[in-house]
Amino acid sequence: MTRAQIFEFFRRLADLNPAPETELQFGNCYQLLVAVTLSAQATDVGVNKATRALFAHVETPQQMLDLGELGLKEHIKTIGLFNSKAKNVIAMARLLVDHHGGQVPATREELVELPGVGRKTANVVLNCWFGQETFAVDTHIFRLGNRTGLAKGKTPEAVEAKLEKLVPQPFRLGAHHWLILHGRYICKARTPECWRCPVADLCSFRPKPPHPHSAPK
């Protein structure tokens, strides 16, 4: 895509959803960090179901430590990889209490030192809570970046670097939300719904013609 096409790509997505937000539910920065950590290889819907009762009781790292690993597992056992995630969330809470005064740090360098927190999770927290222009590349954005031609790369880091370089203002703060939502609901993994895509004419992907019996009404 040319720079003009990239601008138009985000302009259209922004027109349709002027104030995009994460679909994860949380009440404070710590709860956001926990929710994003739990969302790895899980759906936001599934995480929200599991954290609804959890977050009614746990608002701080100390309260998470008081709940304990077994108590946490009871809340999140419907989420994939819940055993290892529970271990990480408890270890994360311990580090936050012992080294950060119970506060979530506001730098990527400090965030990625927390157990269970990788670059993508750190970028989500920095963007959603601290208002930083970061590009959290999940499976949707990785697929969409390569499929559309917006930001091609063989690794999430490569796609992130391309987005960092190419996404123009005033779209940088909301870019990763628009891309995730577009990948989740329209540019789907198996069958992208190009027939209703607002940016199809800017995209380098060429879909196979729909089966005559499956064409949209």
Protein backbone atom coordinates (compact mmCIF):
# COMPACT_ATOMS: atom_id res chain seq x y z
CA MET A 1 0.00 0.00 0.00
CA THR A 2 1.07 3.57 -0.65
CA ARG A 3 1.09 6.07 2.20
CA ALA A 4 -2.05 7.67 0.77
CA GLN A 5 -3.79 4.28 0.72
CA ILE A 6 -2.71 3.57 4.31
CA PHE A 7 -4.16 6.91 5.42
CA GLU A 8 -7.42 6.13 3.61
CA PHE A 9 -7.47 2.60 5.10
CA PHE A 10 -7.45 3.95 8.65
CA ARG A 11 -9.69 6.91 7.83
CA ARG A 12 -12.47 4.54 6.77
CA LEU A 13 -12.08 2.31 9.82
CA ALA A 14 -12.08 5.41 12.04
CA ASP A 15 -15.23 6.75 10.39
CA LEU A 16 -17.05 3.53 11.24
CA ASN A 17 -15.75 3.40 14.83
CA PRO A 18 -14.43 6.79 16.00
CA ALA A 19 -13.53 5.69 19.54
CA PRO A 20 -12.30 2.08 19.44
CA GLU A 21 -11.62 0.26 22.70
CA THR A 22 -10.45 -3.15 23.83
CA GLU A 23 -13.27 -5.64 24.39
CA LEU A 24 -11.66 -6.85 27.60
CA GLN A 25 -13.49 -5.65 30.73
CA PHE A 26 -11.55 -4.12 33.63
CA GLY A 27 -11.83 -1.45 36.29
CA ASN A 28 -8.23 -0.35 36.78
CA CYS A 29 -4.75 -0.75 35.33
CA TYR A 30 -3.91 -3.87 37.34
CA GLN A 31 -7.10 -5.61 36.25
CA LEU A 32 -6.31 -4.71 32.63
CA LEU A 33 -2.84 -6.24 32.99
CA VAL A 34 -4.31 -9.44 34.43
CA ALA A 35 -7.02 -9.63 31.74
CA VAL A 36 -4.54 -9.20 28.89
CA THR A 37 -2.23 -11.80 30.43
CA LEU A 38 -5.13 -14.25 30.66
CA SER A 39 -6.25 -13.53 27.08
CA ALA A 40 -3.29 -15.27 25.44
CA GLN A 41 -4.70 -18.13 23.33
CA ALA A 42 -8.17 -17.34 24.67
CA THR A 43 -11.06 -15.15 23.53
CA ASP A 44 -11.90 -11.83 25.13
CA VAL A 45 -15.44 -13.12 25.69
CA GLY A 46 -14.10 -16.13 27.61
CA VAL A 47 -11.75 -13.98 29.67
CA ASN A 48 -14.52 -11.53 30.56
CA LYS A 49 -16.75 -14.36 31.79
CA ALA A 50 -13.97 -15.67 34.01
CA THR A 51 -12.85 -12.30 35.38
CA ARG A 52 -16.28 -10.88 36.17
CA ALA A 53 -16.45 -12.56 39.57
CA LEU A 54 -12.67 -12.41 40.07
CA PHE A 55 -12.47 -8.64 39.61
CA ALA A 56 -15.39 -8.11 42.00
CA HIS A 57 -13.00 -9.29 44.75
CA VAL A 58 -9.54 -8.55 43.38
CA GLU A 59 -8.54 -5.00 42.48
CA THR A 60 -4.89 -4.97 43.59
CA PRO A 61 -1.83 -7.24 43.43
CA GLN A 62 -2.00 -7.73 47.20
CA GLN A 63 -5.59 -8.91 46.98
CA MET A 64 -4.48 -11.37 44.28
CA LEU A 65 -1.80 -12.71 46.62
CA ASP A 66 -4.40 -13.00 49.39
CA LEU A 67 -6.64 -15.01 47.04
CA GLY A 68 -3.74 -17.36 46.25
CA GLU A 69 -3.01 -19.62 43.33
CA LEU A 70 -5.69 -22.20 44.13
CA GLY A 71 -8.33 -19.53 44.58
CA LEU A 72 -7.34 -17.90 41.30
CA LYS A 73 -7.53 -21.23 39.47
CA GLU A 74 -11.13 -21.65 40.59
CA HIS A 75 -12.00 -18.38 38.86
CA ILE A 76 -10.08 -18.96 35.62
CA LYS A 77 -10.35 -22.72 35.10
CA THR A 78 -12.55 -22.17 32.02
CA ILE A 79 -9.65 -20.38 30.27
CA GLY A 80 -7.04 -22.29 28.27
CA LEU A 81 -3.66 -22.86 29.97
CA PHE A 82 -5.17 -21.75 33.27
CA ASN A 83 -2.61 -23.61 35.41
CA SER A 84 0.42 -21.83 33.98
CA LYS A 85 -1.46 -18.54 33.78
CA ALA A 86 -2.40 -18.75 37.47
CA LYS A 87 1.25 -19.33 38.38
CA ASN A 88 2.31 -16.32 36.32
CA VAL A 89 -0.40 -14.01 37.65
CA ILE A 90 0.51 -14.83 41.26
CA ALA A 91 4.24 -14.41 40.55
CA MET A 92 3.45 -11.13 38.78
CA ALA A 93 1.48 -9.90 41.79
CA ARG A 94 4.40 -10.75 44.09
CA LEU A 95 6.83 -8.78 41.92
CA LEU A 96 4.46 -5.81 41.70
CA VAL A 97 4.09 -5.71 45.49
CA ASP A 98 7.76 -6.28 46.27
CA HIS A 99 9.36 -4.05 43.62
CA HIS A 100 6.74 -1.60 42.35
CA GLY A 101 4.75 -0.67 45.44
CA GLY A 102 1.74 -2.53 44.09
CA GLN A 103 1.58 -0.27 41.03
CA VAL A 104 1.74 -1.30 37.38
CA PRO A 105 4.86 0.21 35.80
CA ALA A 106 4.44 2.51 32.81
CA THR A 107 7.40 1.41 30.69
CA ARG A 108 7.71 -1.54 28.32
CA GLU A 109 11.08 -2.47 29.79
CA GLU A 110 9.61 -2.91 33.28
CA LEU A 111 6.40 -4.57 32.09
CA VAL A 112 8.14 -7.32 30.11
CA GLU A 113 10.12 -8.27 33.23
CA LEU A 114 6.86 -9.35 34.89
CA PRO A 115 6.05 -13.09 34.73
CA GLY A 116 3.69 -13.91 31.87
CA VAL A 117 4.06 -10.50 30.24
CA GLY A 118 5.48 -10.39 26.72
CA ARG A 119 5.85 -7.50 24.33
CA LYS A 120 2.28 -7.77 23.03
CA THR A 121 0.76 -7.66 26.53
CA ALA A 122 2.99 -4.75 27.49
CA ASN A 123 1.96 -2.85 24.36
CA VAL A 124 -1.75 -3.35 25.10
CA VAL A 125 -1.37 -1.99 28.65
CA LEU A 126 0.74 0.95 27.48
CA ASN A 127 -1.84 1.80 24.81
CA CYS A 128 -5.11 1.18 26.65
CA TRP A 129 -4.18 2.59 30.05
CA PHE A 130 -1.22 4.90 29.60
CA GLY A 131 -2.27 6.30 26.21
CA GLN A 132 0.95 5.46 24.41
CA GLU A 133 1.07 4.92 20.64
CA THR A 134 1.99 1.25 20.65
CA PHE A 135 1.09 -1.53 18.21
CA ALA A 136 0.24 -4.80 19.93
CA VAL A 137 0.49 -7.46 17.22
CA ASP A 138 -1.76 -10.42 18.02
CA THR A 139 -2.80 -13.21 15.67
CA HIS A 140 -5.45 -10.99 14.02
CA ILE A 141 -3.09 -8.10 13.30
CA PHE A 142 -0.32 -10.42 12.12
CA ARG A 143 -2.71 -12.06 9.66
CA LEU A 144 -4.28 -8.79 8.56
CA GLY A 145 -0.95 -6.99 8.12
CA ASN A 146 0.28 -9.71 5.78
CA ARG A 147 -2.99 -10.44 3.99
CA THR A 148 -3.87 -6.84 3.17
CA GLY A 149 -0.33 -5.74 2.35
CA LEU A 150 -0.57 -3.05 5.03
CA ALA A 151 2.42 -4.33 7.01
CA LYS A 152 4.03 -7.54 5.82
CA GLY A 153 6.44 -9.43 8.07
CA LYS A 154 7.47 -12.96 8.98
CA THR A 155 7.24 -12.32 12.73
CA PRO A 156 4.96 -10.24 14.97
CA GLU A 157 7.95 -8.02 15.74
CA ALA A 158 8.50 -7.36 12.03
CA VAL A 159 4.83 -6.45 11.53
CA GLU A 160 4.97 -4.20 14.61
CA ALA A 161 8.04 -2.41 13.25
CA LYS A 162 6.28 -1.81 9.92
CA LEU A 163 3.18 -0.42 11.65
CA GLU A 164 5.34 1.77 13.86
CA LYS A 165 6.90 3.23 10.72
CA LEU A 166 3.83 3.49 8.47
CA VAL A 167 0.73 4.31 10.53
CA PRO A 168 0.07 8.06 10.24
CA GLN A 169 -1.46 10.51 12.66
CA PRO A 170 -4.19 10.92 13.78
CA PHE A 171 -4.65 7.14 13.74
CA ARG A 172 -1.66 5.89 15.73
CA LEU A 173 -3.33 5.68 19.13
CA GLY A 174 -6.36 3.70 17.93
CA ALA A 175 -4.68 1.72 15.15
CA HIS A 176 -4.25 -1.59 16.94
CA HIS A 177 -7.89 -1.55 18.10
CA TRP A 178 -9.19 -0.94 14.60
CA LEU A 179 -7.00 -3.71 13.20
CA ILE A 180 -7.93 -6.25 15.89
CA LEU A 181 -11.65 -5.57 15.53
CA HIS A 182 -11.42 -5.68 11.73
CA GLY A 183 -9.57 -9.01 11.91
CA ARG A 184 -11.97 -10.42 14.47
CA TYR A 185 -15.23 -9.56 12.75
CA ILE A 186 -14.57 -9.02 9.02
CA CYS A 187 -11.08 -10.09 7.89
CA LYS A 188 -11.51 -13.49 9.55
CA ALA A 189 -8.88 -16.22 9.44
CA ARG A 190 -10.62 -18.84 7.30
CA THR A 191 -13.15 -16.87 5.31
CA PRO A 192 -12.58 -13.11 5.20
CA GLU A 193 -15.88 -11.35 4.52
CA CYS A 194 -14.54 -9.22 1.68
CA TRP A 195 -18.05 -8.60 0.38
CA ARG A 196 -18.74 -6.31 3.35
CA CYS A 197 -15.23 -4.96 3.95
CA PRO A 198 -14.97 -1.14 3.91
CA VAL A 199 -11.34 -1.25 2.74
CA ALA A 200 -11.49 -4.11 0.22
CA ASP A 201 -10.46 -1.92 -2.69
CA LEU A 202 -7.25 -0.91 -0.86
CA CYS A 203 -6.31 -4.49 0.01
CA SER A 204 -3.90 -6.72 -1.93
CA PHE A 205 -5.80 -9.92 -1.02
CA ARG A 206 -7.87 -11.42 -3.79
CA PRO A 207 -10.59 -13.71 -2.46
CA LYS A 208 -11.86 -16.75 -4.28
CA PRO A 209 -15.32 -16.20 -5.75
CA PRO A 210 -17.98 -17.26 -3.23
CA HIS A 211 -19.81 -20.51 -3.79
CA PRO A 212 -23.11 -19.73 -5.51
CA HIS A 213 -25.09 -21.18 -2.62
CA SER A 214 -23.18 -19.24 0.04
CA ALA A 215 -23.34 -15.77 -1.50
CA PRO A 216 -24.75 -13.13 0.88
CA LYS A 217 -28.39 -12.29 0.52
